[in-house]
């Protein structure tokens, strides 16, 4: 949506119930604003938090999490971070490697 040298913003759209990404972290703090649907944020310790429209969340840089569409309709989140998108790393939890540019968003549909 927006990418400047000091700030960037984007939309995450997970169209199908059950879609999720990998457990990962980034090298910058970020905020999320829930626009549509339901998102469960999972954490490595087994904890989770459910977000519904109108809710916001803050994830500290270096904190691992996973986004999961646990609703019955598309899930739409807006995210923001300081700095340009090009400076952001996407660190996979299992490999601890930066997978930015790879197919890291595995939308694993419940229809598998």
PDB file of N, CA and C in Angstrom:
ATOM      1  N   UNK A   1       0.815  -1.191   0.000  1.00  0.00           N
ATOM      2  CA  UNK A   1       0.000   0.000   0.000  1.00  0.00           C
ATOM      3  C   UNK A   1       0.859   1.254   0.000  1.00  0.00           C
ATOM      4  N   UNK A   2       1.930   1.258   0.815  1.00  0.00           N
ATOM      5  CA  UNK A   2       2.760   2.439   0.981  1.00  0.00           C
ATOM      6  C   UNK A   2       4.160   1.982   1.339  1.00  0.00           C
ATOM      7  N   UNK A   3       5.156   2.575   0.715  1.00  0.00           N
ATOM      8  CA  UNK A   3       6.542   2.231   1.031  1.00  0.00           C
ATOM      9  C   UNK A   3       7.400   3.470   0.831  1.00  0.00           C
ATOM     10  N   UNK A   4       7.892   4.030   1.935  1.00  0.00           N
ATOM     11  CA  UNK A   4       8.765   5.194   1.893  1.00  0.00           C
ATOM     12  C   UNK A   4      10.052   4.851   2.643  1.00  0.00           C
ATOM     13  N   UNK A   5      11.056   5.696   2.594  1.00  0.00           N
ATOM     14  CA  UNK A   5      12.291   5.425   3.346  1.00  0.00           C
ATOM     15  C   UNK A   5      12.073   5.353   4.862  1.00  0.00           C
ATOM     16  N   UNK A   6      10.965   5.908   5.371  1.00  0.00           N
ATOM     17  CA  UNK A   6      10.757   5.956   6.822  1.00  0.00           C
ATOM     18  C   UNK A   6       9.604   5.099   7.330  1.00  0.00           C
ATOM     19  N   UNK A   7       8.763   4.549   6.418  1.00  0.00           N
ATOM     20  CA  UNK A   7       7.547   3.868   6.863  1.00  0.00           C
ATOM     21  C   UNK A   7       6.989   3.026   5.721  1.00  0.00           C
ATOM     22  N   UNK A   8       6.388   1.875   6.063  1.00  0.00           N
ATOM     23  CA  UNK A   8       5.638   1.135   5.051  1.00  0.00           C
ATOM     24  C   UNK A   8       4.399   0.496   5.663  1.00  0.00           C
ATOM     25  N   UNK A   9       3.410   0.278   4.817  1.00  0.00           N
ATOM     26  CA  UNK A   9       2.133  -0.311   5.226  1.00  0.00           C
ATOM     27  C   UNK A   9       1.678  -1.266   4.128  1.00  0.00           C
ATOM     28  N   UNK A  10       0.932  -2.294   4.518  1.00  0.00           N
ATOM     29  CA  UNK A  10       0.486  -3.310   3.569  1.00  0.00           C
ATOM     30  C   UNK A  10      -0.801  -3.947   4.071  1.00  0.00           C
ATOM     31  N   UNK A  11      -1.441  -4.707   3.199  1.00  0.00           N
ATOM     32  CA  UNK A  11      -2.604  -5.510   3.569  1.00  0.00           C
ATOM     33  C   UNK A  11      -2.230  -6.977   3.447  1.00  0.00           C
ATOM     34  N   UNK A  12      -2.642  -7.772   4.424  1.00  0.00           N
ATOM     35  CA  UNK A  12      -2.571  -9.229   4.335  1.00  0.00           C
ATOM     36  C   UNK A  12      -3.995  -9.699   4.115  1.00  0.00           C
ATOM     37  N   UNK A  13      -4.219 -10.457   3.049  1.00  0.00           N
ATOM     38  CA  UNK A  13      -5.530 -11.030   2.772  1.00  0.00           C
ATOM     39  C   UNK A  13      -5.363 -12.542   2.707  1.00  0.00           C
ATOM     40  N   UNK A  14      -6.040 -13.236   3.598  1.00  0.00           N
ATOM     41  CA  UNK A  14      -6.055 -14.690   3.607  1.00  0.00           C
ATOM     42  C   UNK A  14      -7.478 -15.080   3.220  1.00  0.00           C
ATOM     43  N   UNK A  15      -7.696 -15.465   1.965  1.00  0.00           N
ATOM     44  CA  UNK A  15      -9.056 -15.601   1.447  1.00  0.00           C
ATOM     45  C   UNK A  15      -9.868 -16.770   1.999  1.00  0.00           C
ATOM     46  N   UNK A  16      -9.212 -17.820   2.417  1.00  0.00           N
ATOM     47  CA  UNK A  16      -9.942 -19.028   2.821  1.00  0.00           C
ATOM     48  C   UNK A  16      -9.808 -19.321   4.311  1.00  0.00           C
ATOM     49  N   UNK A  17     -10.893 -19.747   4.951  1.00  0.00           N
ATOM     50  CA  UNK A  17     -10.777 -20.224   6.332  1.00  0.00           C
ATOM     51  C   UNK A  17      -9.702 -21.312   6.401  1.00  0.00           C
ATOM     52  N   UNK A  18      -8.851 -21.234   7.402  1.00  0.00           N
ATOM     53  CA  UNK A  18      -7.764 -22.203   7.560  1.00  0.00           C
ATOM     54  C   UNK A  18      -6.446 -21.737   6.983  1.00  0.00           C
ATOM     55  N   UNK A  19      -6.427 -20.712   6.113  1.00  0.00           N
ATOM     56  CA  UNK A  19      -5.172 -20.207   5.566  1.00  0.00           C
ATOM     57  C   UNK A  19      -4.286 -19.694   6.696  1.00  0.00           C
ATOM     58  N   UNK A  20      -2.978 -19.948   6.574  1.00  0.00           N
ATOM     59  CA  UNK A  20      -2.028 -19.470   7.590  1.00  0.00           C
ATOM     60  C   UNK A  20      -0.671 -19.277   6.952  1.00  0.00           C
ATOM     61  N   UNK A  21       0.197 -18.521   7.638  1.00  0.00           N
ATOM     62  CA  UNK A  21       1.568 -18.374   7.179  1.00  0.00           C
ATOM     63  C   UNK A  21       2.482 -19.194   8.076  1.00  0.00           C
ATOM     64  N   UNK A  22       3.779 -19.066   7.896  1.00  0.00           N
ATOM     65  CA  UNK A  22       4.747 -19.787   8.724  1.00  0.00           C
ATOM     66  C   UNK A  22       4.965 -19.051  10.047  1.00  0.00           C
ATOM     67  N   UNK A  23       5.450 -19.768  11.042  1.00  0.00           N
ATOM     68  CA  UNK A  23       5.875 -19.141  12.304  1.00  0.00           C
ATOM     69  C   UNK A  23       7.144 -18.376  11.969  1.00  0.00           C
ATOM     70  N   UNK A  24       7.161 -17.062  12.240  1.00  0.00           N
ATOM     71  CA  UNK A  24       8.280 -16.231  11.822  1.00  0.00           C
ATOM     72  C   UNK A  24       8.365 -14.969  12.673  1.00  0.00           C
ATOM     73  N   UNK A  25       9.429 -14.203  12.456  1.00  0.00           N
ATOM     74  CA  UNK A  25       9.567 -12.884  13.079  1.00  0.00           C
ATOM     75  C   UNK A  25      10.184 -11.941  12.062  1.00  0.00           C
ATOM     76  N   UNK A  26      10.210 -10.672  12.421  1.00  0.00           N
ATOM     77  CA  UNK A  26      10.832  -9.643  11.591  1.00  0.00           C
ATOM     78  C   UNK A  26      11.811  -8.852  12.439  1.00  0.00           C
ATOM     79  N   UNK A  27      12.657  -8.092  11.805  1.00  0.00           N
ATOM     80  CA  UNK A  27      13.687  -7.319  12.493  1.00  0.00           C
ATOM     81  C   UNK A  27      13.216  -5.909  12.839  1.00  0.00           C
ATOM     82  N   UNK A  28      11.915  -5.681  12.866  1.00  0.00           N
ATOM     83  CA  UNK A  28      11.366  -4.366  13.217  1.00  0.00           C
ATOM     84  C   UNK A  28      10.032  -4.550  13.932  1.00  0.00           C
ATOM     85  N   UNK A  29       9.703  -3.595  14.795  1.00  0.00           N
ATOM     86  CA  UNK A  29       8.389  -3.599  15.441  1.00  0.00           C
ATOM     87  C   UNK A  29       7.316  -3.395  14.386  1.00  0.00           C
ATOM     88  N   UNK A  30       6.133  -3.958  14.641  1.00  0.00           N
ATOM     89  CA  UNK A  30       5.037  -3.773  13.704  1.00  0.00           C
ATOM     90  C   UNK A  30       3.709  -3.689  14.436  1.00  0.00           C
ATOM     91  N   UNK A  31       2.752  -3.084  13.775  1.00  0.00           N
ATOM     92  CA  UNK A  31       1.390  -3.040  14.304  1.00  0.00           C
ATOM     93  C   UNK A  31       0.464  -3.687  13.280  1.00  0.00           C
ATOM     94  N   UNK A  32      -0.611  -4.252  13.797  1.00  0.00           N
ATOM     95  CA  UNK A  32      -1.658  -4.862  12.970  1.00  0.00           C
ATOM     96  C   UNK A  32      -2.983  -4.229  13.328  1.00  0.00           C
ATOM     97  N   UNK A  33      -3.828  -4.029  12.320  1.00  0.00           N
ATOM     98  CA  UNK A  33      -5.200  -3.588  12.539  1.00  0.00           C
ATOM     99  C   UNK A  33      -6.108  -4.549  11.783  1.00  0.00           C
ATOM    100  N   UNK A  34      -7.037  -5.167  12.508  1.00  0.00           N
ATOM    101  CA  UNK A  34      -7.934  -6.167  11.927  1.00  0.00           C
ATOM    102  C   UNK A  34      -9.089  -5.467  11.228  1.00  0.00           C
ATOM    103  N   UNK A  35      -9.229  -5.707   9.922  1.00  0.00           N
ATOM    104  CA  UNK A  35     -10.263  -5.060   9.124  1.00  0.00           C
ATOM    105  C   UNK A  35     -11.481  -5.960   8.936  1.00  0.00           C
ATOM    106  N   UNK A  36     -11.233  -7.222   8.599  1.00  0.00           N
ATOM    107  CA  UNK A  36     -12.336  -8.129   8.269  1.00  0.00           C
ATOM    108  C   UNK A  36     -11.979  -9.548   8.675  1.00  0.00           C
ATOM    109  N   UNK A  37     -12.974 -10.314   9.110  1.00  0.00           N
ATOM    110  CA  UNK A  37     -12.778 -11.721   9.431  1.00  0.00           C
ATOM    111  C   UNK A  37     -12.274 -11.929  10.841  1.00  0.00           C
ATOM    112  N   UNK A  38     -11.568 -13.042  11.030  1.00  0.00           N
ATOM    113  CA  UNK A  38     -11.012 -13.397  12.341  1.00  0.00           C
ATOM    114  C   UNK A  38      -9.607 -13.960  12.143  1.00  0.00           C
ATOM    115  N   UNK A  39      -8.676 -13.472  12.946  1.00  0.00           N
ATOM    116  CA  UNK A  39      -7.292 -13.926  12.888  1.00  0.00           C
ATOM    117  C   UNK A  39      -6.876 -14.436  14.255  1.00  0.00           C
ATOM    118  N   UNK A  40      -6.305 -15.621  14.285  1.00  0.00           N
ATOM    119  CA  UNK A  40      -5.675 -16.102  15.509  1.00  0.00           C
ATOM    120  C   UNK A  40      -4.173 -15.992  15.309  1.00  0.00           C
ATOM    121  N   UNK A  41      -3.540 -15.266  16.226  1.00  0.00           N
ATOM    122  CA  UNK A  41      -2.081 -15.151  16.227  1.00  0.00           C
ATOM    123  C   UNK A  41      -1.554 -16.224  17.167  1.00  0.00           C
ATOM    124  N   UNK A  42      -0.748 -17.131  16.625  1.00  0.00           N
ATOM    125  CA  UNK A  42      -0.148 -18.203  17.414  1.00  0.00           C
ATOM    126  C   UNK A  42       1.284 -17.817  17.765  1.00  0.00           C
ATOM    127  N   UNK A  43       1.746 -18.288  18.934  1.00  0.00           N
ATOM    128  CA  UNK A  43       3.089 -17.987  19.412  1.00  0.00           C
ATOM    129  C   UNK A  43       3.819 -19.289  19.738  1.00  0.00           C
ATOM    130  N   UNK A  44       5.159 -19.305  19.686  1.00  0.00           N
ATOM    131  CA  UNK A  44       5.915 -20.542  19.888  1.00  0.00           C
ATOM    132  C   UNK A  44       5.664 -21.232  21.227  1.00  0.00           C
ATOM    133  N   UNK A  45       5.268 -20.500  22.258  1.00  0.00           N
ATOM    134  CA  UNK A  45       5.028 -21.122  23.567  1.00  0.00           C
ATOM    135  C   UNK A  45       3.677 -21.813  23.650  1.00  0.00           C
ATOM    136  N   UNK A  46       2.930 -21.838  22.517  1.00  0.00           N
ATOM    137  CA  UNK A  46       1.610 -22.468  22.497  1.00  0.00           C
ATOM    138  C   UNK A  46       0.477 -21.501  22.761  1.00  0.00           C
ATOM    139  N   UNK A  47       0.795 -20.288  23.154  1.00  0.00           N
ATOM    140  CA  UNK A  47      -0.227 -19.286  23.388  1.00  0.00           C
ATOM    141  C   UNK A  47      -0.806 -18.763  22.084  1.00  0.00           C
ATOM    142  N   UNK A  48      -1.954 -18.131  22.190  1.00  0.00           N
ATOM    143  CA  UNK A  48      -2.581 -17.537  21.016  1.00  0.00           C
ATOM    144  C   UNK A  48      -3.501 -16.400  21.445  1.00  0.00           C
ATOM    145  N   UNK A  49      -3.794 -15.526  20.506  1.00  0.00           N
ATOM    146  CA  UNK A  49      -4.716 -14.410  20.711  1.00  0.00           C
ATOM    147  C   UNK A  49      -5.605 -14.304  19.489  1.00  0.00           C
ATOM    148  N   UNK A  50      -6.901 -14.092  19.699  1.00  0.00           N
ATOM    149  CA  UNK A  50      -7.847 -13.949  18.595  1.00  0.00           C
ATOM    150  C   UNK A  50      -8.120 -12.472  18.359  1.00  0.00           C
ATOM    151  N   UNK A  51      -8.035 -12.070  17.087  1.00  0.00           N
ATOM    152  CA  UNK A  51      -8.344 -10.694  16.700  1.00  0.00           C
ATOM    153  C   UNK A  51      -9.605 -10.690  15.842  1.00  0.00           C
ATOM    154  N   UNK A  52     -10.475  -9.724  16.109  1.00  0.00           N
ATOM    155  CA  UNK A  52     -11.681  -9.517  15.327  1.00  0.00           C
ATOM    156  C   UNK A  52     -11.678  -8.073  14.831  1.00  0.00           C
ATOM    157  N   UNK A  53     -12.554  -7.730  13.872  1.00  0.00           N
ATOM    158  CA  UNK A  53     -12.523  -6.390  13.298  1.00  0.00           C
ATOM    159  C   UNK A  53     -12.532  -5.273  14.345  1.00  0.00           C
ATOM    160  N   UNK A  54     -11.653  -4.290  14.102  1.00  0.00           N
ATOM    161  CA  UNK A  54     -11.520  -3.150  14.996  1.00  0.00           C
ATOM    162  C   UNK A  54     -10.424  -3.305  16.028  1.00  0.00           C
ATOM    163  N   UNK A  55      -9.875  -4.508  16.191  1.00  0.00           N
ATOM    164  CA  UNK A  55      -8.807  -4.734  17.167  1.00  0.00           C
ATOM    165  C   UNK A  55      -7.448  -4.431  16.545  1.00  0.00           C
ATOM    166  N   UNK A  56      -6.500  -4.056  17.380  1.00  0.00           N
ATOM    167  CA  UNK A  56      -5.130  -3.789  16.945  1.00  0.00           C
ATOM    168  C   UNK A  56      -4.166  -4.600  17.804  1.00  0.00           C
ATOM    169  N   UNK A  57      -2.992  -4.882  17.251  1.00  0.00           N
ATOM    170  CA  UNK A  57      -1.967  -5.632  17.978  1.00  0.00           C
ATOM    171  C   UNK A  57      -0.606  -5.032  17.674  1.00  0.00           C
ATOM    172  N   UNK A  58       0.313  -5.202  18.603  1.00  0.00           N
ATOM    173  CA  UNK A  58       1.695  -4.766  18.446  1.00  0.00           C
ATOM    174  C   UNK A  58       2.584  -5.994  18.595  1.00  0.00           C
ATOM    175  N   UNK A  59       3.502  -6.185  17.658  1.00  0.00           N
ATOM    176  CA  UNK A  59       4.468  -7.282  17.719  1.00  0.00           C
ATOM    177  C   UNK A  59       5.861  -6.661  17.736  1.00  0.00           C
ATOM    178  N   UNK A  60       6.594  -6.913  18.790  1.00  0.00           N
ATOM    179  CA  UNK A  60       7.950  -6.388  18.920  1.00  0.00           C
ATOM    180  C   UNK A  60       8.876  -7.109  17.954  1.00  0.00           C
ATOM    181  N   UNK A  61       9.767  -6.368  17.303  1.00  0.00           N
ATOM    182  CA  UNK A  61      10.741  -6.971  16.405  1.00  0.00           C
ATOM    183  C   UNK A  61      11.484  -8.105  17.095  1.00  0.00           C
ATOM    184  N   UNK A  62      11.646  -9.228  16.406  1.00  0.00           N
ATOM    185  CA  UNK A  62      12.315 -10.398  16.971  1.00  0.00           C
ATOM    186  C   UNK A  62      11.373 -11.365  17.672  1.00  0.00           C
ATOM    187  N   UNK A  63      10.096 -11.028  17.798  1.00  0.00           N
ATOM    188  CA  UNK A  63       9.106 -11.910  18.433  1.00  0.00           C
ATOM    189  C   UNK A  63       8.441 -12.776  17.366  1.00  0.00           C
ATOM    190  N   UNK A  64       8.505 -14.081  17.563  1.00  0.00           N
ATOM    191  CA  UNK A  64       7.924 -15.015  16.593  1.00  0.00           C
ATOM    192  C   UNK A  64       6.412 -15.100  16.755  1.00  0.00           C
ATOM    193  N   UNK A  65       5.726 -15.257  15.611  1.00  0.00           N
ATOM    194  CA  UNK A  65       4.269 -15.385  15.589  1.00  0.00           C
ATOM    195  C   UNK A  65       3.851 -16.029  14.270  1.00  0.00           C
ATOM    196  N   UNK A  66       2.587 -16.445  14.224  1.00  0.00           N
ATOM    197  CA  UNK A  66       1.996 -17.016  13.017  1.00  0.00           C
ATOM    198  C   UNK A  66       0.576 -16.490  12.894  1.00  0.00           C
ATOM    199  N   UNK A  67       0.184 -16.060  11.692  1.00  0.00           N
ATOM    200  CA  UNK A  67      -1.167 -15.584  11.433  1.00  0.00           C
ATOM    201  C   UNK A  67      -1.995 -16.719  10.854  1.00  0.00           C
ATOM    202  N   UNK A  68      -3.248 -16.855  11.335  1.00  0.00           N
ATOM    203  CA  UNK A  68      -4.100 -17.977  10.946  1.00  0.00           C
ATOM    204  C   UNK A  68      -5.538 -17.477  10.794  1.00  0.00           C
ATOM    205  N   UNK A  69      -6.124 -17.674   9.625  1.00  0.00           N
ATOM    206  CA  UNK A  69      -7.525 -17.310   9.409  1.00  0.00           C
ATOM    207  C   UNK A  69      -8.396 -18.369  10.074  1.00  0.00           C
ATOM    208  N   UNK A  70      -8.907 -18.046  11.244  1.00  0.00           N
ATOM    209  CA  UNK A  70      -9.751 -18.985  11.989  1.00  0.00           C
ATOM    210  C   UNK A  70     -11.224 -18.605  11.911  1.00  0.00           C
ATOM    211  N   UNK A  71     -11.570 -17.711  11.006  1.00  0.00           N
ATOM    212  CA  UNK A  71     -12.960 -17.339  10.800  1.00  0.00           C
ATOM    213  C   UNK A  71     -13.597 -18.187   9.718  1.00  0.00           C
ATOM    214  N   UNK A  72     -14.774 -17.778   9.295  1.00  0.00           N
ATOM    215  CA  UNK A  72     -15.490 -18.503   8.246  1.00  0.00           C
ATOM    216  C   UNK A  72     -15.622 -17.666   6.974  1.00  0.00           C
ATOM    217  N   UNK A  73     -14.756 -16.661   6.830  1.00  0.00           N
ATOM    218  CA  UNK A  73     -14.759 -15.770   5.673  1.00  0.00           C
ATOM    219  C   UNK A  73     -13.337 -15.265   5.465  1.00  0.00           C
ATOM    220  N   UNK A  74     -13.084 -14.479   4.409  1.00  0.00           N
ATOM    221  CA  UNK A  74     -11.738 -13.933   4.225  1.00  0.00           C
ATOM    222  C   UNK A  74     -11.278 -13.106   5.433  1.00  0.00           C
ATOM    223  N   UNK A  75      -9.981 -13.123   5.673  1.00  0.00           N
ATOM    224  CA  UNK A  75      -9.349 -12.375   6.753  1.00  0.00           C
ATOM    225  C   UNK A  75      -8.517 -11.269   6.123  1.00  0.00           C
ATOM    226  N   UNK A  76      -8.722 -10.026   6.586  1.00  0.00           N
ATOM    227  CA  UNK A  76      -7.980  -8.884   6.049  1.00  0.00           C
ATOM    228  C   UNK A  76      -7.380  -8.103   7.212  1.00  0.00           C
ATOM    229  N   UNK A  77      -6.053  -7.980   7.212  1.00  0.00           N
ATOM    230  CA  UNK A  77      -5.296  -7.231   8.217  1.00  0.00           C
ATOM    231  C   UNK A  77      -4.493  -6.144   7.534  1.00  0.00           C
ATOM    232  N   UNK A  78      -4.380  -4.985   8.171  1.00  0.00           N
ATOM    233  CA  UNK A  78      -3.452  -3.963   7.716  1.00  0.00           C
ATOM    234  C   UNK A  78      -2.267  -3.958   8.666  1.00  0.00           C
ATOM    235  N   UNK A  79      -1.049  -3.946   8.108  1.00  0.00           N
ATOM    236  CA  UNK A  79       0.148  -3.914   8.917  1.00  0.00           C
ATOM    237  C   UNK A  79       0.977  -2.682   8.615  1.00  0.00           C
ATOM    238  N   UNK A  80       1.751  -2.225   9.623  1.00  0.00           N
ATOM    239  CA  UNK A  80       2.648  -1.082   9.446  1.00  0.00           C
ATOM    240  C   UNK A  80       3.968  -1.344  10.158  1.00  0.00           C
ATOM    241  N   UNK A  81       5.048  -0.790   9.609  1.00  0.00           N
ATOM    242  CA  UNK A  81       6.370  -0.838  10.237  1.00  0.00           C
ATOM    243  C   UNK A  81       7.128   0.427   9.881  1.00  0.00           C
ATOM    244  N   UNK A  82       8.100   0.787  10.718  1.00  0.00           N
ATOM    245  CA  UNK A  82       8.981   1.893  10.361  1.00  0.00           C
ATOM    246  C   UNK A  82      10.033   1.384   9.387  1.00  0.00           C
ATOM    247  N   UNK A  83      10.578   2.290   8.613  1.00  0.00           N
ATOM    248  CA  UNK A  83      11.587   1.935   7.629  1.00  0.00           C
ATOM    249  C   UNK A  83      10.975   1.419   6.343  1.00  0.00           C
ATOM    250  N   UNK A  84      11.815   1.244   5.322  1.00  0.00           N
ATOM    251  CA  UNK A  84      11.326   0.743   4.037  1.00  0.00           C
ATOM    252  C   UNK A  84      11.152  -0.781   4.053  1.00  0.00           C
ATOM    253  N   UNK A  85      10.245  -1.267   3.228  1.00  0.00           N
ATOM    254  CA  UNK A  85      10.000  -2.709   3.133  1.00  0.00           C
ATOM    255  C   UNK A  85      11.275  -3.472   2.784  1.00  0.00           C
ATOM    256  N   UNK A  86      12.140  -2.882   1.950  1.00  0.00           N
ATOM    257  CA  UNK A  86      13.357  -3.561   1.506  1.00  0.00           C
ATOM    258  C   UNK A  86      14.312  -3.884   2.655  1.00  0.00           C
ATOM    259  N   UNK A  87      14.211  -3.189   3.778  1.00  0.00           N
ATOM    260  CA  UNK A  87      15.115  -3.412   4.909  1.00  0.00           C
ATOM    261  C   UNK A  87      14.623  -4.491   5.872  1.00  0.00           C
ATOM    262  N   UNK A  88      13.441  -5.031   5.619  1.00  0.00           N
ATOM    263  CA  UNK A  88      12.830  -5.978   6.547  1.00  0.00           C
ATOM    264  C   UNK A  88      13.266  -7.408   6.242  1.00  0.00           C
ATOM    265  N   UNK A  89      13.580  -8.136   7.299  1.00  0.00           N
ATOM    266  CA  UNK A  89      13.900  -9.563   7.191  1.00  0.00           C
ATOM    267  C   UNK A  89      12.685 -10.371   7.640  1.00  0.00           C
ATOM    268  N   UNK A  90      12.531 -11.552   7.070  1.00  0.00           N
ATOM    269  CA  UNK A  90      11.468 -12.501   7.433  1.00  0.00           C
ATOM    270  C   UNK A  90      12.189 -13.764   7.892  1.00  0.00           C
ATOM    271  N   UNK A  91      12.293 -13.933   9.217  1.00  0.00           N
ATOM    272  CA  UNK A  91      13.060 -15.037   9.793  1.00  0.00           C
ATOM    273  C   UNK A  91      12.119 -16.190  10.138  1.00  0.00           C
ATOM    274  N   UNK A  92      12.315 -17.332   9.480  1.00  0.00           N
ATOM    275  CA  UNK A  92      11.515 -18.520   9.747  1.00  0.00           C
ATOM    276  C   UNK A  92      11.897 -19.110  11.102  1.00  0.00           C
ATOM    277  N   UNK A  93      10.907 -19.503  11.887  1.00  0.00           N
ATOM    278  CA  UNK A  93      11.130 -20.025  13.237  1.00  0.00           C
ATOM    279  C   UNK A  93      11.964 -21.310  13.226  1.00  0.00           C
ATOM    280  N   UNK A  94      11.651 -22.223  12.317  1.00  0.00           N
ATOM    281  CA  UNK A  94      12.323 -23.524  12.305  1.00  0.00           C
ATOM    282  C   UNK A  94      13.766 -23.425  11.839  1.00  0.00           C
ATOM    283  N   UNK A  95      14.016 -22.652  10.786  1.00  0.00           N
ATOM    284  CA  UNK A  95      15.364 -22.589  10.215  1.00  0.00           C
ATOM    285  C   UNK A  95      16.204 -21.442  10.753  1.00  0.00           C
ATOM    286  N   UNK A  96      15.543 -20.448  11.344  1.00  0.00           N
ATOM    287  CA  UNK A  96      16.184 -19.216  11.815  1.00  0.00           C
ATOM    288  C   UNK A  96      16.895 -18.482  10.678  1.00  0.00           C
ATOM    289  N   UNK A  97      16.457 -18.729   9.447  1.00  0.00           N
ATOM    290  CA  UNK A  97      17.027 -18.097   8.263  1.00  0.00           C
ATOM    291  C   UNK A  97      16.058 -17.055   7.706  1.00  0.00           C
ATOM    292  N   UNK A  98      16.619 -16.025   7.069  1.00  0.00           N
ATOM    293  CA  UNK A  98      15.819 -15.013   6.387  1.00  0.00           C
ATOM    294  C   UNK A  98      15.290 -15.640   5.098  1.00  0.00           C
ATOM    295  N   UNK A  99      13.991 -15.739   4.981  1.00  0.00           N
ATOM    296  CA  UNK A  99      13.381 -16.351   3.804  1.00  0.00           C
ATOM    297  C   UNK A  99      12.667 -15.322   2.939  1.00  0.00           C
ATOM    298  N   UNK A 100      12.932 -14.034   3.185  1.00  0.00           N
ATOM    299  CA  UNK A 100      12.316 -12.980   2.381  1.00  0.00           C
ATOM    300  C   UNK A 100      12.648 -13.215   0.917  1.00  0.00           C
ATOM    301  N   UNK A 101      11.643 -13.083   0.095  1.00  0.00           N
ATOM    302  CA  UNK A 101      11.818 -13.322  -1.328  1.00  0.00           C
ATOM    303  C   UNK A 101      11.522 -14.758  -1.710  1.00  0.00           C
ATOM    304  N   UNK A 102      11.557 -15.660  -0.739  1.00  0.00           N
ATOM    305  CA  UNK A 102      11.189 -17.055  -1.007  1.00  0.00           C
ATOM    306  C   UNK A 102       9.673 -17.182  -0.850  1.00  0.00           C
ATOM    307  N   UNK A 103       9.167 -18.343  -1.090  1.00  0.00           N
ATOM    308  CA  UNK A 103       7.734 -18.579  -0.941  1.00  0.00           C
ATOM    309  C   UNK A 103       7.450 -18.866   0.531  1.00  0.00           C
ATOM    310  N   UNK A 104       7.639 -17.850   1.396  1.00  0.00           N
ATOM    311  CA  UNK A 104       7.522 -18.041   2.835  1.00  0.00           C
ATOM    312  C   UNK A 104       6.096 -18.002   3.342  1.00  0.00           C
ATOM    313  N   UNK A 105       5.188 -17.388   2.610  1.00  0.00           N
ATOM    314  CA  UNK A 105       3.804 -17.336   3.077  1.00  0.00           C
ATOM    315  C   UNK A 105       3.096 -18.556   2.512  1.00  0.00           C
ATOM    316  N   UNK A 106       3.048 -19.588   3.340  1.00  0.00           N
ATOM    317  CA  UNK A 106       2.413 -20.835   2.929  1.00  0.00           C
ATOM    318  C   UNK A 106       0.952 -20.770   3.339  1.00  0.00           C
ATOM    319  N   UNK A 107       0.111 -20.350   2.433  1.00  0.00           N
ATOM    320  CA  UNK A 107      -1.295 -20.308   2.743  1.00  0.00           C
ATOM    321  C   UNK A 107      -1.817 -21.734   2.687  1.00  0.00           C
ATOM    322  N   UNK A 108      -1.797 -22.369   3.844  1.00  0.00           N
ATOM    323  CA  UNK A 108      -2.200 -23.765   3.955  1.00  0.00           C
ATOM    324  C   UNK A 108      -3.700 -23.829   4.176  1.00  0.00           C
ATOM    325  N   UNK A 109      -4.423 -24.011   3.126  1.00  0.00           N
ATOM    326  CA  UNK A 109      -5.871 -23.998   3.197  1.00  0.00           C
ATOM    327  C   UNK A 109      -6.388 -25.214   3.949  1.00  0.00           C
ATOM    328  N   UNK A 110      -7.493 -25.017   4.641  1.00  0.00           N
ATOM    329  CA  UNK A 110      -8.149 -26.110   5.367  1.00  0.00           C
ATOM    330  C   UNK A 110      -8.697 -27.148   4.393  1.00  0.00           C
ATOM    331  N   UNK A 111      -8.704 -26.833   3.099  1.00  0.00           N
ATOM    332  CA  UNK A 111      -9.243 -27.767   2.098  1.00  0.00           C
ATOM    333  C   UNK A 111      -8.215 -28.807   1.669  1.00  0.00           C
ATOM    334  N   UNK A 112      -7.068 -28.888   2.324  1.00  0.00           N
ATOM    335  CA  UNK A 112      -6.016 -29.837   1.930  1.00  0.00           C
ATOM    336  C   UNK A 112      -6.528 -31.237   1.834  1.00  0.00           C
TER     337      UNK A 112
END
